[in-house]
């Protein structure tokens, strides 16, 4: 019966370590995924900012082309400056959002890395606790003496000792 307890404890400990490794890998992959997603969001915000800039430049160019005497020079400059000001506000927001997306991804990545570390150490601690508990239980029941006697007997049977 003692051998079953030892074998069960060993298998349980091995399973704890394997499960911890799988969890660690999963969290590490999630960490990398968070960084990739953050980069994609930041890139989308940067593209949006660039598109906004292109649109305002095109709008001002169209306004200049149509301005052939319809607006006074001061009126044209005011409209063009207003377009640029509004576009600048949108571009600034998009760039801030890009920066926040990167910070958010880095934060999520760091949290997933900490979870990976905790999963690994938790699995090893669980394995050690299982082995220690089984060892103590066997010690309390004096099963180690029987196991030691059985090992000596097997050694004699195969010619060792």
Protein backbone atom coordinates (compact mmCIF):
# COMPACT_ATOMS: atom_id res chain seq x y z
CA UNK A 1 0.00 0.00 0.00
CA UNK A 2 2.89 2.34 0.75
CA UNK A 3 4.16 1.96 -2.80
CA UNK A 4 0.81 3.06 -4.18
CA UNK A 5 0.93 6.17 -1.99
CA UNK A 6 4.47 6.98 -3.12
CA UNK A 7 3.64 6.39 -6.80
CA UNK A 8 0.45 8.42 -6.53
CA UNK A 9 2.28 11.26 -4.85
CA UNK A 10 5.01 11.26 -7.50
CA UNK A 11 2.50 11.23 -10.35
CA UNK A 12 0.51 14.01 -8.72
CA UNK A 13 3.67 16.08 -8.25
CA UNK A 14 4.73 15.56 -11.86
CA UNK A 15 1.25 16.55 -13.02
CA UNK A 16 1.40 19.73 -10.92
CA UNK A 17 4.70 20.71 -12.51
CA UNK A 18 3.43 19.98 -16.03
CA UNK A 19 0.26 21.96 -15.46
CA UNK A 20 2.30 24.86 -14.10
CA UNK A 21 4.49 24.81 -17.21
CA UNK A 22 1.43 24.87 -19.48
CA UNK A 23 -0.05 27.78 -17.55
CA UNK A 24 3.27 29.61 -17.62
CA UNK A 25 3.47 29.18 -21.40
CA UNK A 26 -0.13 30.32 -21.81
CA UNK A 27 0.50 33.51 -19.82
CA UNK A 28 3.73 34.19 -21.70
CA UNK A 29 1.85 33.90 -25.00
CA UNK A 30 -0.89 36.21 -23.70
CA UNK A 31 1.83 38.67 -22.71
CA UNK A 32 3.23 38.70 -26.23
CA UNK A 33 -0.26 38.92 -27.71
CA UNK A 34 -1.01 42.00 -25.57
CA UNK A 35 2.06 43.74 -26.99
CA UNK A 36 1.13 42.86 -30.56
CA UNK A 37 -2.45 44.07 -30.08
CA UNK A 38 -1.20 47.31 -28.52
CA UNK A 39 1.13 47.89 -31.47
CA UNK A 40 -1.75 47.30 -33.88
CA UNK A 41 -3.99 49.78 -32.03
CA UNK A 42 -1.24 52.38 -31.91
CA UNK A 43 -0.58 51.95 -35.62
CA UNK A 44 -4.30 52.38 -36.36
CA UNK A 45 -4.35 55.65 -34.41
CA UNK A 46 -1.24 56.87 -36.22
CA UNK A 47 -2.80 56.00 -39.58
CA UNK A 48 -5.94 57.85 -38.60
CA UNK A 49 -3.89 60.90 -37.63
CA UNK A 50 -2.02 60.80 -40.95
CA UNK A 51 -5.29 60.41 -42.87
CA UNK A 52 -6.69 63.44 -41.04
CA UNK A 53 -3.65 65.46 -41.97
CA UNK A 54 -3.97 64.41 -45.61
CA UNK A 55 -7.66 65.36 -45.64
CA UNK A 56 -7.04 68.84 -44.23
CA UNK A 57 -4.19 69.48 -46.65
CA UNK A 58 -6.43 68.36 -49.53
CA UNK A 59 -9.30 70.52 -48.24
CA UNK A 60 -7.06 73.56 -47.98
CA UNK A 61 -5.65 72.90 -51.44
CA UNK A 62 -9.18 72.66 -52.84
CA UNK A 63 -10.12 75.85 -51.00
CA UNK A 64 -7.09 77.61 -52.46
CA UNK A 65 -7.98 76.41 -55.96
CA UNK A 66 -11.53 77.70 -55.60
CA UNK A 67 -10.42 80.98 -54.02
CA UNK A 68 -9.89 82.78 -57.30
CA UNK A 69 -11.22 86.04 -55.99
CA UNK A 70 -14.25 84.58 -54.16
CA UNK A 71 -12.76 85.11 -50.72
CA UNK A 72 -10.53 87.87 -49.56
CA UNK A 73 -6.99 86.74 -48.82
CA UNK A 74 -7.65 87.17 -45.08
CA UNK A 75 -10.85 85.10 -45.23
CA UNK A 76 -9.03 82.28 -47.04
CA UNK A 77 -6.23 82.30 -44.48
CA UNK A 78 -8.77 82.21 -41.65
CA UNK A 79 -10.57 79.19 -43.14
CA UNK A 80 -7.30 77.38 -43.84
CA UNK A 81 -6.01 78.13 -40.33
CA UNK A 82 -9.28 76.90 -38.78
CA UNK A 83 -9.04 73.67 -40.77
CA UNK A 84 -5.46 73.15 -39.62
CA UNK A 85 -6.32 73.95 -36.00
CA UNK A 86 -9.18 71.44 -35.92
CA UNK A 87 -7.08 68.82 -37.64
CA UNK A 88 -4.25 69.48 -35.19
CA UNK A 89 -6.58 68.80 -32.26
CA UNK A 90 -7.73 65.51 -33.81
CA UNK A 91 -4.17 64.48 -34.69
CA UNK A 92 -2.97 65.25 -31.16
CA UNK A 93 -5.78 63.11 -29.71
CA UNK A 94 -4.98 60.26 -32.06
CA UNK A 95 -1.28 60.39 -31.14
CA UNK A 96 -2.17 60.44 -27.43
CA UNK A 97 -4.46 57.46 -27.97
CA UNK A 98 -1.64 55.64 -29.76
CA UNK A 99 0.65 56.27 -26.80
CA UNK A 100 -2.03 55.11 -24.34
CA UNK A 101 -2.61 51.95 -26.40
CA UNK A 102 1.10 51.11 -26.14
CA UNK A 103 1.17 51.80 -22.40
CA UNK A 104 -1.94 49.65 -21.91
CA UNK A 105 -0.40 46.79 -23.87
CA UNK A 106 2.84 46.99 -21.90
CA UNK A 107 0.89 47.00 -18.63
CA UNK A 108 -1.17 43.97 -19.66
CA UNK A 109 2.00 42.22 -20.82
CA UNK A 110 3.70 42.85 -17.47
CA UNK A 111 0.67 41.51 -15.60
CA UNK A 112 0.64 38.37 -17.76
CA UNK A 113 4.38 37.88 -17.15
CA UNK A 114 3.79 38.09 -13.39
CA UNK A 115 0.97 35.56 -13.73
CA UNK A 116 3.33 33.27 -15.67
CA UNK A 117 5.91 33.50 -12.89
CA UNK A 118 3.26 32.81 -10.25
CA UNK A 119 1.93 29.81 -12.19
CA UNK A 120 5.41 28.30 -12.44
CA UNK A 121 6.36 28.83 -8.81
CA UNK A 122 2.90 27.76 -7.62
CA UNK A 123 3.19 24.49 -9.53
CA UNK A 124 6.57 23.70 -8.04
CA UNK A 125 5.41 24.57 -4.53
CA UNK A 126 2.34 22.38 -5.00
CA UNK A 127 4.52 19.47 -6.12
CA UNK A 128 6.85 19.85 -3.16
CA UNK A 129 3.90 20.07 -0.77
CA UNK A 130 2.37 16.88 -2.17
CA UNK A 131 5.63 14.99 -1.83
CA UNK A 132 6.24 16.34 1.66
CA UNK A 133 2.73 15.44 2.80
CA UNK A 134 3.07 11.90 1.49
CA UNK A 135 6.51 11.57 3.07
CA UNK A 136 5.22 12.76 6.42
CA UNK A 137 2.19 10.46 6.27
CA UNK A 138 4.42 7.49 5.46
CA UNK A 139 6.80 8.47 8.26
CA UNK A 140 3.92 8.68 10.74
CA UNK A 141 2.73 5.19 9.81
CA UNK A 142 6.26 3.75 9.95
CA UNK A 143 5.91 2.77 6.31
CA UNK A 144 9.47 3.92 5.56
CA UNK A 145 10.81 1.06 7.63
CA UNK A 146 8.81 -1.40 5.53
CA UNK A 147 9.89 0.26 2.29
CA UNK A 148 13.54 0.15 3.41
CA UNK A 149 13.22 -3.53 4.32
CA UNK A 150 11.60 -4.28 0.93
CA UNK A 151 14.38 -2.43 -0.92
CA UNK A 152 17.05 -4.44 0.92
CA UNK A 153 15.20 -7.67 0.09
CA UNK A 154 14.96 -6.76 -3.60
CA UNK A 155 18.67 -5.87 -3.58
CA UNK A 156 19.56 -9.28 -2.16
CA UNK A 157 17.29 -11.02 -4.66
CA UNK A 158 19.07 -9.45 -7.61
CA UNK A 159 22.51 -9.87 -6.09
CA UNK A 160 23.25 -6.37 -4.78
CA UNK A 161 24.19 -6.46 -1.14
